[in-house]
């Protein structure tokens, strides 16, 4: 009799434990669904701000562009032309501006996130690497600080174009998609996530 009683009690205990775990799981699942708010998810995504997904480090040799001679009546004055050739290192960071991301819910368990195409987020020249290879001052027309500043701007634009031509923006898009998807899956593991670049 005691043997059957113990078996019966064991069955009751197992039932109670199983029921309790089931309730906890259901509550947890329900909690995840009830506490999920699309506005909160969108804020979390946008708070990533500018997501640098790729760095392009380079060494470049650049020259002062254009006709830099003094002019009179629109014509260059002989022997007044100036030039500057430099070598330097730079780094370009590429990625999307997540402040422009949009998110919507498709059904109960799927999120669709749209992020903008990657762009140049920052572009810095390492001033310690800036090395003058050749400098030529024209008569009454020396190379000035303003010339160097203008040259830096032009070289940055040139290298940003090079990065784009080499397909680095497209690569940054691909990395951004995976990073955003991973971030959302880590935050909302039960949600299916689709990330689009537009």
Protein backbone atom coordinates (compact mmCIF):
# COMPACT_ATOMS: atom_id res chain seq x y z
CA UNK A 1 0.00 0.00 0.00
CA UNK A 2 2.81 2.37 0.91
CA UNK A 3 4.51 1.52 -2.38
CA UNK A 4 1.44 2.61 -4.36
CA UNK A 5 1.04 5.67 -2.14
CA UNK A 6 4.62 6.74 -2.85
CA UNK A 7 4.06 6.19 -6.56
CA UNK A 8 0.87 8.22 -6.45
CA UNK A 9 2.59 11.04 -4.53
CA UNK A 10 5.50 10.97 -6.97
CA UNK A 11 3.03 11.32 -9.88
CA UNK A 12 1.36 14.29 -8.19
CA UNK A 13 4.71 15.97 -7.51
CA UNK A 14 5.84 15.46 -11.14
CA UNK A 15 2.53 16.84 -12.36
CA UNK A 16 2.79 19.91 -10.14
CA UNK A 17 6.40 20.57 -11.16
CA UNK A 18 5.57 20.10 -14.83
CA UNK A 19 2.55 22.35 -14.57
CA UNK A 20 4.58 25.02 -12.76
CA UNK A 21 7.32 24.99 -15.41
CA UNK A 22 4.71 25.14 -18.11
CA UNK A 23 3.11 28.16 -16.49
CA UNK A 24 6.48 29.88 -16.11
CA UNK A 25 7.30 29.25 -19.78
CA UNK A 26 3.89 30.48 -20.88
CA UNK A 27 4.20 33.58 -18.74
CA UNK A 28 7.68 34.23 -20.06
CA UNK A 29 6.52 33.79 -23.65
CA UNK A 30 3.47 35.96 -23.07
CA UNK A 31 5.61 38.55 -21.34
CA UNK A 32 7.94 38.75 -24.32
CA UNK A 33 5.04 39.28 -26.66
CA UNK A 34 3.09 41.67 -24.47
CA UNK A 35 6.08 43.83 -23.55
CA UNK A 36 7.38 44.10 -27.12
CA UNK A 37 6.68 47.54 -28.52
CA UNK A 38 7.65 48.58 -32.01
CA UNK A 39 8.43 52.12 -30.82
CA UNK A 40 10.95 50.81 -28.30
CA UNK A 41 12.61 48.59 -30.89
CA UNK A 42 12.86 51.50 -33.34
CA UNK A 43 14.41 53.71 -30.67
CA UNK A 44 16.94 50.99 -29.86
CA UNK A 45 17.90 50.66 -33.52
CA UNK A 46 18.21 54.42 -34.02
CA UNK A 47 20.31 54.75 -30.88
CA UNK A 48 23.03 52.82 -32.65
CA UNK A 49 23.47 56.16 -34.46
CA UNK A 50 26.20 56.04 -37.09
CA UNK A 51 27.24 52.42 -37.44
CA UNK A 52 30.82 52.24 -38.73
CA UNK A 53 30.93 48.84 -40.40
CA UNK A 54 34.14 49.21 -42.38
CA UNK A 55 37.47 51.01 -42.13
CA UNK A 56 39.57 51.82 -45.17
CA UNK A 57 43.19 52.57 -44.25
CA UNK A 58 45.44 53.84 -46.99
CA UNK A 59 48.74 55.48 -47.88
CA UNK A 60 48.61 57.96 -50.73
CA UNK A 61 50.87 60.30 -52.68
CA UNK A 62 49.10 63.47 -53.77
CA UNK A 63 49.93 66.57 -55.74
CA UNK A 64 48.55 70.07 -55.69
CA UNK A 65 46.09 70.20 -58.57
CA UNK A 66 45.33 72.83 -61.19
CA UNK A 67 47.23 75.78 -62.56
CA UNK A 68 48.73 77.55 -59.56
CA UNK A 69 50.60 80.32 -61.32
CA UNK A 70 49.82 83.99 -60.81
CA UNK A 71 47.64 85.37 -63.59
CA UNK A 72 47.17 88.65 -65.34
CA UNK A 73 44.28 89.26 -67.69
CA UNK A 74 43.46 85.54 -67.34
CA UNK A 75 46.90 84.38 -68.49
CA UNK A 76 49.54 82.64 -66.34
CA UNK A 77 52.66 84.62 -65.55
CA UNK A 78 55.85 82.63 -66.33
CA UNK A 79 57.94 81.32 -63.42
CA UNK A 80 55.20 81.98 -60.85
CA UNK A 81 53.78 78.46 -60.84
CA UNK A 82 53.98 76.63 -57.48
CA UNK A 83 53.60 72.95 -56.65
CA UNK A 84 53.50 70.57 -53.70
CA UNK A 85 53.78 66.77 -53.58
CA UNK A 86 53.08 64.91 -50.34
CA UNK A 87 52.74 61.41 -48.93
CA UNK A 88 50.35 60.65 -46.08
CA UNK A 89 48.21 58.01 -44.35
CA UNK A 90 44.45 58.25 -43.94
CA UNK A 91 41.50 56.30 -42.63
CA UNK A 92 37.92 56.35 -43.91
CA UNK A 93 35.07 54.93 -41.82
CA UNK A 94 32.03 53.75 -43.74
CA UNK A 95 28.55 52.77 -42.59
CA UNK A 96 24.86 53.74 -42.49
CA UNK A 97 23.32 56.59 -40.51
CA UNK A 98 21.06 54.55 -38.25
CA UNK A 99 19.10 57.64 -37.21
CA UNK A 100 17.35 57.24 -40.57
CA UNK A 101 16.49 53.57 -40.01
CA UNK A 102 12.86 52.48 -40.12
CA UNK A 103 11.30 49.45 -38.50
CA UNK A 104 7.91 47.82 -38.85
CA UNK A 105 6.28 44.68 -37.53
CA UNK A 106 4.99 42.08 -39.97
CA UNK A 107 2.55 39.87 -38.10
CA UNK A 108 3.31 38.87 -34.53
CA UNK A 109 6.79 37.42 -34.85
CA UNK A 110 8.60 39.28 -37.64
CA UNK A 111 10.40 42.61 -37.84
CA UNK A 112 11.37 44.34 -41.07
CA UNK A 113 14.13 46.92 -40.67
CA UNK A 114 15.10 49.32 -43.44
CA UNK A 115 18.47 51.05 -43.16
CA UNK A 116 20.03 53.66 -45.48
CA UNK A 117 22.96 52.86 -47.74
CA UNK A 118 26.41 53.24 -46.22
CA UNK A 119 28.23 56.53 -46.60
CA UNK A 120 31.51 58.06 -45.46
CA UNK A 121 31.02 58.67 -41.75
CA UNK A 122 34.45 60.11 -41.10
CA UNK A 123 37.67 60.68 -42.99
CA UNK A 124 40.84 61.60 -41.14
CA UNK A 125 44.38 62.25 -42.32
CA UNK A 126 47.13 61.25 -39.90
CA UNK A 127 48.95 64.56 -39.54
CA UNK A 128 52.02 62.77 -38.14
CA UNK A 129 52.34 60.91 -41.43
CA UNK A 130 52.10 64.04 -43.61
CA UNK A 131 55.41 64.19 -45.45
CA UNK A 132 56.42 66.75 -48.10
CA UNK A 133 58.17 64.97 -50.96
CA UNK A 134 58.61 68.01 -53.16
CA UNK A 135 57.84 71.69 -52.79
CA UNK A 136 58.28 74.41 -55.38
CA UNK A 137 57.61 78.08 -54.72
CA UNK A 138 56.88 80.34 -57.65
CA UNK A 139 58.30 83.84 -57.93
CA UNK A 140 56.17 86.08 -55.68
CA UNK A 141 53.91 83.05 -55.26
CA UNK A 142 55.02 80.78 -52.38
CA UNK A 143 53.12 77.72 -51.15
CA UNK A 144 50.92 78.89 -48.27
CA UNK A 145 49.02 77.25 -45.41
CA UNK A 146 45.78 77.87 -47.32
CA UNK A 147 47.20 75.88 -50.25
CA UNK A 148 47.91 72.95 -47.95
CA UNK A 149 44.41 73.09 -46.43
CA UNK A 150 42.79 73.20 -49.87
CA UNK A 151 44.98 70.30 -50.96
CA UNK A 152 43.89 68.18 -47.97
CA UNK A 153 40.23 68.76 -48.84
CA UNK A 154 40.77 67.80 -52.48
CA UNK A 155 42.77 64.69 -51.55
CA UNK A 156 40.05 63.56 -49.14
CA UNK A 157 37.43 63.88 -51.86
CA UNK A 158 39.66 61.96 -54.25
CA UNK A 159 40.24 59.08 -51.81
CA UNK A 160 36.56 58.90 -50.83
CA UNK A 161 35.77 58.45 -54.53
CA UNK A 162 38.43 55.74 -54.74
CA UNK A 163 36.85 53.88 -51.82
CA UNK A 164 33.45 54.06 -53.53
CA UNK A 165 34.90 52.93 -56.88
CA UNK A 166 36.45 49.90 -55.17
CA UNK A 167 33.02 48.79 -53.94
CA UNK A 168 33.64 49.44 -50.26
CA UNK A 169 30.25 51.11 -49.74
CA UNK A 170 28.50 47.96 -50.96
CA UNK A 171 30.65 45.85 -48.63
CA UNK A 172 29.80 48.18 -45.73
CA UNK A 173 26.09 47.68 -46.56
CA UNK A 174 26.45 43.89 -46.28
CA UNK A 175 28.26 44.11 -42.96
CA UNK A 176 25.66 46.57 -41.64
CA UNK A 177 22.82 44.17 -42.49
CA UNK A 178 24.46 41.36 -40.50
CA UNK A 179 25.31 43.61 -37.55
CA UNK A 180 21.79 45.04 -37.26
CA UNK A 181 20.25 41.60 -37.64
CA UNK A 182 22.54 40.22 -34.92
CA UNK A 183 21.74 43.14 -32.60
CA UNK A 184 17.98 42.65 -32.94
CA UNK A 185 18.17 38.86 -32.62
CA UNK A 186 20.18 39.24 -29.42
CA UNK A 187 17.59 41.66 -28.02
CA UNK A 188 14.48 39.84 -29.30
CA UNK A 189 15.53 36.21 -29.86
CA UNK A 190 11.99 35.03 -30.63
CA UNK A 191 11.47 37.52 -33.45
CA UNK A 192 12.26 36.79 -37.09
CA UNK A 193 14.31 39.65 -38.52
CA UNK A 194 14.65 40.93 -42.09
CA UNK A 195 17.00 43.83 -42.82
CA UNK A 196 16.77 45.80 -46.07
CA UNK A 197 19.07 48.49 -47.43
CA UNK A 198 17.34 51.32 -49.25
